[in-house]
Amino acid sequence: MSDVVALERALSRLRDQLAVVAGARPTPQELADAHASDIATARRIYQARPGVPVHHVLAVLEVLRAMDEMEATDA
């Protein structure tokens, strides 16, 4: 097998892998919807617990969502 053929096969495998990874990522609309949902949840938590800053709650929610997304791509 020539080097060119081997490189073409490797490139084809990389393209296939990139397509899978790209398909697993959320769309911009899904990201915006998730962020809006996190903001609404953070505000509800702030109303229930006014001593907790909204930006802290939002940061925790964003980290939890990111962890869920990482676990989903690993599966």
C-alpha atoms as a PDB file:
ATOM      1  CA  MET A   1       0.000   0.000   0.000  1.00  0.00           C
ATOM      2  CA  SER A   2       1.392   3.374  -0.943  1.00  0.00           C
ATOM      3  CA  ASP A   3       1.812   6.232   1.481  1.00  0.00           C
ATOM      4  CA  VAL A   4      -0.797   8.252  -0.423  1.00  0.00           C
ATOM      5  CA  VAL A   5      -3.423   5.521  -0.021  1.00  0.00           C
ATOM      6  CA  ALA A   6      -2.608   5.174   3.679  1.00  0.00           C
ATOM      7  CA  LEU A   7      -2.903   8.944   4.152  1.00  0.00           C
ATOM      8  CA  GLU A   8      -6.219   9.032   2.266  1.00  0.00           C
ATOM      9  CA  ARG A   9      -7.618   6.314   4.521  1.00  0.00           C
ATOM     10  CA  ALA A  10      -6.401   8.086   7.657  1.00  0.00           C
ATOM     11  CA  LEU A  11      -7.931  11.344   6.437  1.00  0.00           C
ATOM     12  CA  SER A  12     -11.211   9.576   5.743  1.00  0.00           C
ATOM     13  CA  ARG A  13     -11.261   8.145   9.285  1.00  0.00           C
ATOM     14  CA  LEU A  14     -10.534  11.588  10.743  1.00  0.00           C
ATOM     15  CA  ARG A  15     -13.367  13.132   8.722  1.00  0.00           C
ATOM     16  CA  ASP A  16     -15.737  10.440   9.974  1.00  0.00           C
ATOM     17  CA  GLN A  17     -14.673  11.039  13.576  1.00  0.00           C
ATOM     18  CA  LEU A  18     -15.049  14.810  13.217  1.00  0.00           C
ATOM     19  CA  ALA A  19     -18.543  14.342  11.804  1.00  0.00           C
ATOM     20  CA  VAL A  20     -19.507  12.280  14.856  1.00  0.00           C
ATOM     21  CA  VAL A  21     -18.074  14.863  17.243  1.00  0.00           C
ATOM     22  CA  ALA A  22     -19.753  17.741  15.408  1.00  0.00           C
ATOM     23  CA  GLY A  23     -23.075  15.902  15.490  1.00  0.00           C
ATOM     24  CA  ALA A  24     -22.829  15.426  19.255  1.00  0.00           C
ATOM     25  CA  ARG A  25     -22.360  19.130  19.977  1.00  0.00           C
ATOM     26  CA  PRO A  26     -25.407  21.244  20.811  1.00  0.00           C
ATOM     27  CA  THR A  27     -26.620  23.725  18.226  1.00  0.00           C
ATOM     28  CA  PRO A  28     -26.396  27.469  18.930  1.00  0.00           C
ATOM     29  CA  GLN A  29     -30.167  27.507  19.517  1.00  0.00           C
ATOM     30  CA  GLU A  30     -29.887  24.635  22.010  1.00  0.00           C
ATOM     31  CA  LEU A  31     -27.109  26.512  23.827  1.00  0.00           C
ATOM     32  CA  ALA A  32     -29.218  29.678  23.976  1.00  0.00           C
ATOM     33  CA  ASP A  33     -32.250  27.735  25.235  1.00  0.00           C
ATOM     34  CA  ALA A  34     -30.155  25.999  27.893  1.00  0.00           C
ATOM     35  CA  HIS A  35     -28.687  29.321  29.042  1.00  0.00           C
ATOM     36  CA  ALA A  36     -32.139  30.906  29.260  1.00  0.00           C
ATOM     37  CA  SER A  37     -33.336  27.914  31.272  1.00  0.00           C
ATOM     38  CA  ASP A  38     -30.339  28.209  33.616  1.00  0.00           C
ATOM     39  CA  ILE A  39     -31.031  31.919  34.160  1.00  0.00           C
ATOM     40  CA  ALA A  40     -34.692  31.222  34.986  1.00  0.00           C
ATOM     41  CA  THR A  41     -33.694  28.451  37.410  1.00  0.00           C
ATOM     42  CA  ALA A  42     -31.056  30.675  39.040  1.00  0.00           C
ATOM     43  CA  ARG A  43     -33.666  33.390  39.596  1.00  0.00           C
ATOM     44  CA  ARG A  44     -36.101  30.902  41.145  1.00  0.00           C
ATOM     45  CA  ILE A  45     -33.368  29.649  43.480  1.00  0.00           C
ATOM     46  CA  TYR A  46     -32.493  33.245  44.387  1.00  0.00           C
ATOM     47  CA  GLN A  47     -36.127  33.928  45.268  1.00  0.00           C
ATOM     48  CA  ALA A  48     -36.154  30.868  47.522  1.00  0.00           C
ATOM     49  CA  ARG A  49     -32.729  31.645  49.012  1.00  0.00           C
ATOM     50  CA  PRO A  50     -32.060  35.407  48.661  1.00  0.00           C
ATOM     51  CA  GLY A  51     -28.694  35.171  50.405  1.00  0.00           C
ATOM     52  CA  VAL A  52     -27.211  33.164  47.540  1.00  0.00           C
ATOM     53  CA  PRO A  53     -25.964  35.426  44.718  1.00  0.00           C
ATOM     54  CA  VAL A  54     -27.633  34.743  41.377  1.00  0.00           C
ATOM     55  CA  HIS A  55     -24.309  34.660  39.536  1.00  0.00           C
ATOM     56  CA  HIS A  56     -23.054  31.909  41.866  1.00  0.00           C
ATOM     57  CA  VAL A  57     -26.141  29.800  41.235  1.00  0.00           C
ATOM     58  CA  LEU A  58     -25.844  30.400  37.490  1.00  0.00           C
ATOM     59  CA  ALA A  59     -22.187  29.353  37.527  1.00  0.00           C
ATOM     60  CA  VAL A  60     -23.054  26.095  39.307  1.00  0.00           C
ATOM     61  CA  LEU A  61     -25.888  25.366  36.862  1.00  0.00           C
ATOM     62  CA  GLU A  62     -23.572  25.992  33.897  1.00  0.00           C
ATOM     63  CA  VAL A  63     -20.940  23.641  35.321  1.00  0.00           C
ATOM     64  CA  LEU A  64     -23.540  20.937  35.914  1.00  0.00           C
ATOM     65  CA  ARG A  65     -24.809  21.303  32.342  1.00  0.00           C
ATOM     66  CA  ALA A  66     -21.247  21.108  30.981  1.00  0.00           C
ATOM     67  CA  MET A  67     -20.602  17.960  33.019  1.00  0.00           C
ATOM     68  CA  ASP A  68     -23.791  16.390  31.635  1.00  0.00           C
ATOM     69  CA  GLU A  69     -22.699  17.247  28.077  1.00  0.00           C
ATOM     70  CA  MET A  70     -19.243  15.733  28.653  1.00  0.00           C
ATOM     71  CA  GLU A  71     -20.769  12.537  30.029  1.00  0.00           C
ATOM     72  CA  ALA A  72     -23.144  12.350  27.053  1.00  0.00           C
ATOM     73  CA  THR A  73     -20.273  12.594  24.553  1.00  0.00           C
ATOM     74  CA  ASP A  74     -18.311   9.902  26.434  1.00  0.00           C
ATOM     75  CA  ALA A  75     -21.189   7.427  26.209  1.00  0.00           C
END
